[in-house]
Protein backbone atom coordinates (compact mmCIF):
# COMPACT_ATOMS: atom_id res chain seq x y z
CA UNK A 1 0.25 -0.11 0.02
CA UNK A 2 1.57 3.46 -1.09
CA UNK A 3 1.34 6.85 0.66
CA UNK A 4 -1.73 7.80 -1.57
CA UNK A 5 -3.90 5.01 -0.87
CA UNK A 6 -3.41 5.00 2.85
CA UNK A 7 -4.49 8.67 2.71
CA UNK A 8 -7.24 7.88 0.63
CA UNK A 9 -8.25 5.40 3.39
CA UNK A 10 -7.78 7.68 6.26
CA UNK A 11 -10.00 10.40 4.35
CA UNK A 12 -12.63 7.64 4.29
CA UNK A 13 -12.28 7.07 8.16
CA UNK A 14 -12.44 10.97 8.55
CA UNK A 15 -15.83 11.15 6.68
CA UNK A 16 -17.09 8.69 8.99
CA UNK A 17 -15.93 10.24 11.88
CA UNK A 18 -17.62 13.07 10.57
CA UNK A 19 -20.92 11.34 10.27
CA UNK A 20 -20.79 9.48 13.80
CA UNK A 21 -20.24 12.97 15.45
CA UNK A 22 -23.08 14.74 13.50
CA UNK A 23 -25.50 11.73 14.50
CA UNK A 24 -24.38 12.00 18.48
CA UNK A 25 -25.59 15.79 18.36
CA UNK A 26 -28.60 14.41 16.96
CA UNK A 27 -29.14 12.02 19.14
CA UNK A 28 -28.34 14.39 22.08
CA UNK A 29 -30.85 16.94 20.85
CA UNK A 30 -33.64 14.23 20.72
CA UNK A 31 -32.45 13.11 24.19
CA UNK A 32 -32.78 16.91 25.21
CA UNK A 33 -36.52 16.78 23.79
CA UNK A 34 -37.10 13.63 25.65
CA UNK A 35 -35.70 15.60 29.05
CA UNK A 36 -38.07 18.47 28.37
CA UNK A 37 -41.20 16.23 28.29
CA UNK A 38 -40.21 14.57 31.29
CA UNK A 39 -40.03 17.82 32.90
CA UNK A 40 -43.27 18.74 32.06
CA UNK A 41 -45.06 15.27 33.37
CA UNK A 42 -43.04 15.90 36.39
CA UNK A 43 -44.97 19.20 36.80
CA UNK A 44 -47.94 17.62 35.76
CA UNK A 45 -47.53 15.01 38.57
CA UNK A 46 -47.66 12.24 35.98
CA UNK A 47 -45.87 8.72 37.13
CA UNK A 48 -42.97 8.52 35.13
CA UNK A 49 -39.00 8.24 36.18
CA UNK A 50 -36.05 10.02 34.59
CA UNK A 51 -33.83 6.61 34.92
CA UNK A 52 -35.49 3.77 33.30
CA UNK A 53 -33.16 0.53 33.88
CA UNK A 54 -35.53 -1.73 31.71
CA UNK A 55 -35.22 0.63 28.70
CA UNK A 56 -31.78 1.16 28.90
CA UNK A 57 -31.33 -2.57 28.86
CA UNK A 58 -33.35 -3.14 25.75
CA UNK A 59 -31.52 -0.56 23.87
CA UNK A 60 -28.55 -2.36 24.50
CA UNK A 61 -29.78 -5.72 23.78
CA UNK A 62 -31.34 -4.27 20.45
CA UNK A 63 -28.15 -2.78 19.27
CA UNK A 64 -25.77 -5.87 20.38
CA UNK A 65 -28.12 -7.98 18.16
CA UNK A 66 -28.04 -5.35 15.44
CA UNK A 67 -24.45 -5.62 15.70
CA UNK A 68 -23.76 -9.33 14.97
CA UNK A 69 -20.26 -10.39 15.09
CA UNK A 70 -18.56 -7.73 13.69
CA UNK A 71 -18.81 -5.69 16.89
CA UNK A 72 -18.51 -7.29 20.33
CA UNK A 73 -21.21 -7.07 22.78
CA UNK A 74 -19.14 -5.58 25.58
CA UNK A 75 -17.96 -2.55 23.11
CA UNK A 76 -21.38 -2.15 22.02
CA UNK A 77 -22.54 -2.09 25.91
CA UNK A 78 -19.65 0.14 26.85
CA UNK A 79 -20.05 2.69 24.24
CA UNK A 80 -23.88 3.02 24.69
CA UNK A 81 -23.56 3.13 28.36
CA UNK A 82 -21.58 6.13 28.18
CA UNK A 83 -23.74 7.86 25.28
CA UNK A 84 -26.74 7.29 27.57
CA UNK A 85 -25.14 8.45 30.64
CA UNK A 86 -24.01 11.74 28.73
CA UNK A 87 -27.59 12.43 27.64
CA UNK A 88 -29.04 11.48 30.84
CA UNK A 89 -26.74 13.88 32.66
CA UNK A 90 -27.99 16.54 30.63
CA UNK A 91 -31.68 15.82 31.46
CA UNK A 92 -31.24 14.96 35.14
CA UNK A 93 -27.97 14.33 36.74
CA UNK A 94 -27.73 10.92 38.94
CA UNK A 95 -25.43 10.19 41.44
CA UNK A 96 -24.12 6.80 42.44
CA UNK A 97 -22.42 5.72 45.67
CA UNK A 98 -19.83 3.11 45.43
CA UNK A 99 -17.17 1.34 47.81
CA UNK A 100 -14.36 3.66 47.63
CA UNK A 101 -11.96 5.32 47.23
CA UNK A 102 -11.50 5.63 43.49
CA UNK A 103 -9.44 2.45 41.78
CA UNK A 104 -11.27 -0.09 43.84
CA UNK A 105 -13.02 -3.09 42.03
CA UNK A 106 -16.60 -1.30 43.12
CA UNK A 107 -15.19 1.94 41.00
CA UNK A 108 -14.63 -0.07 38.18
CA UNK A 109 -17.80 -1.56 38.41
CA UNK A 110 -19.65 1.73 38.88
CA UNK A 111 -18.01 3.29 35.82
CA UNK A 112 -18.41 0.30 33.99
CA UNK A 113 -22.75 0.30 34.69
CA UNK A 114 -23.08 4.22 34.69
CA UNK A 115 -20.35 5.75 32.44
CA UNK A 116 -17.96 8.68 33.13
CA UNK A 117 -20.79 11.45 32.98
CA UNK A 118 -22.35 10.00 35.93
CA UNK A 119 -21.10 11.39 39.50
CA UNK A 120 -20.02 8.33 41.31
CA UNK A 121 -19.55 9.16 45.30
CA UNK A 122 -17.21 6.84 47.39
CA UNK A 123 -18.24 5.70 50.57
CA UNK A 124 -16.21 3.82 53.19
CA UNK A 125 -18.09 0.63 53.40
CA UNK A 126 -21.03 -1.29 52.04
CA UNK A 127 -23.61 -0.22 54.74
CA UNK A 128 -22.40 3.51 53.89
CA UNK A 129 -23.16 3.19 50.08
CA UNK A 130 -26.72 1.92 51.03
CA UNK A 131 -27.11 4.98 53.67
CA UNK A 132 -26.14 7.33 50.52
CA UNK A 133 -29.07 6.12 49.01
CA UNK A 134 -31.82 6.06 51.87
CA UNK A 135 -30.65 9.55 52.76
CA UNK A 136 -30.63 11.22 49.18
CA UNK A 137 -27.23 11.86 49.03
CA UNK A 138 -27.28 9.29 45.67
CA UNK A 139 -29.69 7.87 43.83
CA UNK A 140 -28.30 4.44 43.37
CA UNK A 141 -25.60 1.84 45.38
CA UNK A 142 -23.38 -0.51 43.55
CA UNK A 143 -22.22 -3.02 45.97
CA UNK A 144 -20.38 -6.43 45.47
CA UNK A 145 -23.01 -9.40 45.48
CA UNK A 146 -20.85 -12.56 44.45
CA UNK A 147 -17.84 -13.68 43.48
CA UNK A 148 -17.46 -16.68 41.31
CA UNK A 149 -14.52 -17.88 43.48
CA UNK A 150 -15.35 -16.99 47.02
CA UNK A 151 -19.55 -16.75 46.52
CA UNK A 152 -21.63 -14.49 48.31
CA UNK A 153 -20.32 -11.21 50.18
CA UNK A 154 -21.25 -11.48 53.36
CA UNK A 155 -21.55 -7.67 54.25
CA UNK A 156 -23.75 -7.52 51.49
CA UNK A 157 -25.97 -10.13 51.97
CA UNK A 158 -26.39 -9.17 55.39
CA UNK A 159 -27.20 -5.57 54.29
CA UNK A 160 -29.80 -6.97 51.82
CA UNK A 161 -31.84 -8.42 55.02
CA UNK A 162 -31.98 -5.13 56.59
CA UNK A 163 -32.22 -2.48 53.95
CA UNK A 164 -35.61 -1.11 52.20
CA UNK A 165 -33.71 -0.29 48.82
CA UNK A 166 -34.22 -2.71 46.12
CA UNK A 167 -32.17 -4.29 43.47
CA UNK A 168 -32.84 -2.69 40.21
CA UNK A 169 -29.83 -3.59 38.08
CA UNK A 170 -26.83 -5.97 38.08
CA UNK A 171 -23.34 -5.71 36.13
CA UNK A 172 -20.48 -8.13 36.13
CA UNK A 173 -16.73 -7.54 36.26
CA UNK A 174 -14.08 -9.66 35.11
CA UNK A 175 -11.73 -9.30 38.15
CA UNK A 176 -8.16 -9.12 37.56
CA UNK A 177 -5.97 -9.39 40.67
CA UNK A 178 -2.45 -7.80 40.36
CA UNK A 179 0.20 -7.70 42.91
CA UNK A 180 1.20 -3.78 42.99
CA UNK A 181 4.30 -1.96 44.42
CA UNK A 182 6.88 0.59 43.94
CA UNK A 183 8.83 0.64 40.83
CA UNK A 184 12.28 -2.01 40.92
CA UNK A 185 10.68 -3.66 44.05
CA UNK A 186 12.36 -7.05 44.72
CA UNK A 187 9.80 -9.87 45.42
CA UNK A 188 12.10 -11.56 47.81
CA UNK A 189 12.39 -8.05 49.71
CA UNK A 190 8.59 -8.08 50.51
CA UNK A 191 8.02 -8.46 53.99
CA UNK A 192 4.23 -7.92 54.02
CA UNK A 193 0.92 -7.28 51.54
CA UNK A 194 -1.96 -5.46 52.31
CA UNK A 195 -5.55 -6.30 50.53
CA UNK A 196 -8.84 -6.61 50.82
CA UNK A 197 -10.03 -10.05 52.23
CA UNK A 198 -11.79 -10.97 49.60
CA UNK A 199 -8.58 -10.40 47.12
CA UNK A 200 -6.58 -12.44 49.78
CA UNK A 201 -9.16 -15.41 49.44
CA UNK A 202 -8.95 -15.08 45.42
CA UNK A 203 -5.30 -15.30 45.31
CA UNK A 204 -4.62 -17.70 48.33
CA UNK A 205 -2.80 -20.29 46.06
CA UNK A 206 -0.24 -18.07 44.19
CA UNK A 207 0.03 -16.05 47.64
CA UNK A 208 1.27 -19.35 49.35
CA UNK A 209 3.44 -20.70 46.51
CA UNK A 210 5.13 -17.10 45.72
CA UNK A 211 5.28 -15.15 49.24
CA UNK A 212 4.54 -17.66 51.83
CA UNK A 213 6.89 -15.76 54.45
CA UNK A 214 5.38 -12.41 53.71
CA UNK A 215 2.67 -10.86 56.51
CA UNK A 216 -1.03 -10.44 55.12
CA UNK A 217 -2.75 -7.36 56.27
CA UNK A 218 -6.46 -6.69 55.47
CA UNK A 219 -7.91 -3.28 54.51
CA UNK A 220 -11.20 -1.96 53.99
CA UNK A 221 -10.69 -1.66 50.01
CA UNK A 222 -8.03 -2.52 47.57
CA UNK A 223 -7.45 1.14 46.93
CA UNK A 224 -6.66 1.57 50.79
CA UNK A 225 -4.18 -1.08 50.64
CA UNK A 226 -2.56 0.22 47.65
CA UNK A 227 -2.47 3.52 49.47
CA UNK A 228 -0.75 1.77 52.59
CA UNK A 229 1.89 0.10 50.54
CA UNK A 230 2.69 3.05 48.75
CA UNK A 231 4.21 4.46 52.07
CA UNK A 232 6.18 1.74 53.26
CA UNK A 233 9.30 0.03 52.16
CA UNK A 234 8.94 -3.52 51.80
CA UNK A 235 5.22 -3.70 51.28
CA UNK A 236 2.93 -4.44 48.34
CA UNK A 237 -0.79 -4.39 47.91
CA UNK A 238 -3.37 -6.89 45.61
CA UNK A 239 -5.51 -5.19 43.84
CA UNK A 240 -6.52 -3.88 40.30
CA UNK A 241 -4.49 -1.92 37.89
CA UNK A 242 -6.41 1.22 38.98
CA UNK A 243 -5.07 1.33 42.57
CA UNK A 244 -1.68 1.29 41.32
CA UNK A 245 -2.65 4.18 38.87
CA UNK A 246 -4.32 6.03 41.75
CA UNK A 247 -1.48 5.59 44.41
CA UNK A 248 1.90 5.78 42.37
CA UNK A 249 2.43 2.44 42.22
CA UNK A 250 3.48 -0.42 39.53
CA UNK A 251 1.93 -3.72 38.27
CA UNK A 252 4.93 -6.17 39.76
CA UNK A 253 3.14 -9.44 38.83
CA UNK A 254 0.07 -9.60 36.50
CA UNK A 255 -3.23 -11.60 37.00
CA UNK A 256 -2.35 -13.59 40.47
CA UNK A 257 -6.09 -14.80 41.13
CA UNK A 258 -6.08 -18.28 41.19
CA UNK A 259 -9.07 -18.63 38.94
CA UNK A 260 -8.81 -17.40 35.28
CA UNK A 261 -12.29 -16.97 35.08
CA UNK A 262 -12.72 -14.72 38.31
CA UNK A 263 -16.13 -12.80 37.86
CA UNK A 264 -17.46 -10.34 40.43
CA UNK A 265 -21.39 -9.57 40.20
CA UNK A 266 -22.65 -6.27 41.66
CA UNK A 267 -25.90 -5.10 42.30
CA UNK A 268 -27.29 -1.84 41.84
CA UNK A 269 -29.53 -0.99 44.67
CA UNK A 270 -32.50 1.92 44.87
CA UNK A 271 -35.31 3.11 46.31
CA UNK A 272 -37.79 1.79 43.09
CA UNK A 273 -37.81 -1.61 41.28
CA UNK A 274 -37.19 -1.72 37.56
CA UNK A 275 -40.11 -2.30 35.26
CA UNK A 276 -40.04 -5.65 33.08
CA UNK A 277 -37.42 -5.54 30.38
CA UNK A 278 -38.04 -9.00 28.62
CA UNK A 279 -34.82 -10.58 30.13
CA UNK A 280 -34.92 -10.19 33.76
CA UNK A 281 -33.84 -11.62 36.63
CA UNK A 282 -35.21 -11.86 40.35
CA UNK A 283 -33.40 -12.09 43.75
CA UNK A 284 -35.09 -13.23 46.99
CA UNK A 285 -33.98 -14.61 50.36
CA UNK A 286 -35.94 -16.85 52.74
CA UNK A 287 -35.92 -19.07 55.65
CA UNK A 288 -38.04 -22.21 56.10
CA UNK A 289 -39.92 -23.94 58.70
CA UNK A 290 -37.98 -26.64 60.86
CA UNK A 291 -39.77 -29.60 59.12
CA UNK A 292 -38.55 -32.04 56.68
CA UNK A 293 -38.96 -31.20 53.13
CA UNK A 294 -39.17 -27.84 53.91
CA UNK A 295 -36.53 -26.24 51.40
CA UNK A 296 -37.32 -29.16 48.86
CA UNK A 297 -41.08 -28.01 48.92
CA UNK A 298 -40.19 -24.41 48.29
CA UNK A 299 -38.03 -25.23 45.41
CA UNK A 300 -40.48 -27.48 43.93
CA UNK A 301 -42.91 -24.29 43.16
CA UNK A 302 -39.97 -23.21 40.67
CA UNK A 303 -39.33 -26.16 39.02
CA UNK A 304 -42.96 -27.50 38.55
CA UNK A 305 -43.18 -23.96 36.64
CA UNK A 306 -40.38 -24.20 34.50
CA UNK A 307 -38.45 -21.55 36.22
CA UNK A 308 -34.71 -21.53 35.80
CA UNK A 309 -32.61 -21.06 39.47
CA UNK A 310 -29.41 -19.32 38.76
CA UNK A 311 -28.25 -19.08 42.29
CA UNK A 312 -29.05 -20.82 45.44
CA UNK A 313 -26.80 -20.02 48.54
CA UNK A 314 -27.44 -20.95 52.38
CA UNK A 315 -26.11 -18.64 55.27
CA UNK A 316 -26.75 -18.82 58.73
CA UNK A 317 -29.77 -16.79 60.14
CA UNK A 318 -28.61 -13.77 62.28
CA UNK A 319 -29.55 -13.88 65.32
CA UNK A 320 -30.52 -17.34 65.37
CA UNK A 321 -29.45 -20.86 66.70
CA UNK A 322 -26.82 -23.13 65.11
CA UNK A 323 -28.63 -24.85 61.88
CA UNK A 324 -30.97 -22.29 60.95
CA UNK A 325 -30.31 -20.81 57.69
CA UNK A 326 -31.31 -18.10 54.97
CA UNK A 327 -31.44 -19.17 51.46
CA UNK A 328 -30.46 -16.42 48.72
CA UNK A 329 -31.87 -17.28 45.65
CA UNK A 330 -31.80 -15.46 42.10
CA UNK A 331 -34.40 -17.04 39.59
CA UNK A 332 -34.89 -15.93 35.69
CA UNK A 333 -37.94 -13.67 35.52
CA UNK A 334 -39.55 -10.77 36.73
CA UNK A 335 -41.47 -10.69 39.95
CA UNK A 336 -44.31 -8.42 38.46
CA UNK A 337 -45.03 -11.23 35.84
CA UNK A 338 -46.46 -14.84 35.60
CA UNK A 339 -45.53 -17.17 36.54
CA UNK A 340 -42.97 -16.22 38.81
CA UNK A 341 -45.46 -13.57 40.59
CA UNK A 342 -47.44 -16.19 41.77
CA UNK A 343 -44.57 -18.27 42.96
CA UNK A 344 -43.12 -15.63 44.98
CA UNK A 345 -46.62 -15.18 46.42
CA UNK A 346 -46.62 -18.84 47.54
CA UNK A 347 -43.14 -18.69 49.36
CA UNK A 348 -43.76 -15.46 50.80
CA UNK A 349 -46.49 -17.29 52.58
CA UNK A 350 -45.29 -20.35 53.27
CA UNK A 351 -41.52 -19.27 54.27
CA UNK A 352 -40.70 -18.35 58.09
CA UNK A 353 -39.27 -15.25 56.65
CA UNK A 354 -39.33 -13.92 53.12
CA UNK A 355 -37.41 -10.84 51.51
CA UNK A 356 -37.96 -9.73 47.82
CA UNK A 357 -34.60 -8.16 46.89
CA UNK A 358 -35.67 -6.90 43.46
CA UNK A 359 -35.99 -7.55 39.87
CA UNK A 360 -33.84 -6.17 37.18
CA UNK A 361 -32.82 -6.32 33.62
CA UNK A 362 -29.97 -9.49 33.49
CA UNK A 363 -26.73 -8.82 32.04
CA UNK A 364 -23.78 -11.03 31.08
CA UNK A 365 -20.14 -9.95 32.04
CA UNK A 366 -19.17 -6.53 30.73
CA UNK A 367 -22.93 -5.75 30.02
């Protein structure tokens, strides 16, 4: 290919980019008209919401299908999350809380789901994330729910039994754990490693095989761990690349997680439930009466109706004697639609305790 052919192709790209920008300007103009109409509806006291998770999920799914195999689904999702976030920010700015500080996996998940145009508010704990929403300091909370290696996140599971917030969305993040340290740090000279307990658990085998003599110090977040490591000789941290960038560290060893398919699922909590999108998931938690077959009878309601359970996890019931458990269940379907609506009513009636965590659009990793 000579320079003239290359210049001609670049000119084509420039022309395509011009069209893309013009179409984005047009999209933002129409989105602004939608925002004006929503404001008018608000003044008329009509029932609506500026944020519609079901609509967003439907738009992304339609565009992913339209893109086919030529554009990766994750790319389409990421691109349009940013476009929709910018449009929403012009209509009605939204805040979302997350387990901070910046550079944590929760921060990555919040950026993935809401986009950079959304104001993200860091919090010191998962409980504080929910409190920010309950006290109207944020519209949504992004909380880690379960990990493919370690299962449910205990602090979040406990929160879901207490809060009045509802799950209205989810996102899944491919979790890459790295060993972070000062530039030129000799691994043999490391005395201690800081990290969040979940990260230690997800890197247990690597840690025992490569740094068996280093002390492990747990921190509230991976970003806090990176900050601590940046201030101390002979110290390192485990966490995402963003935490290294945030605190002036380098990645000493990449991908030290024991499971290469390590994924964490995050729930998006808010005060309102998402309407049906056509591809939904519902999360509930219940306990059963102490009698033979009680759990079996509950689960049969779902299987007899052909409903697919994607998660079943037991946890000790808080404040109860040993042997009493809560069962966290995810099922495909929306709680406002049959047959799931009727099944949930039966389970709620017969369970010793029951909490509907919420129904929300279902996403795959990167969605």
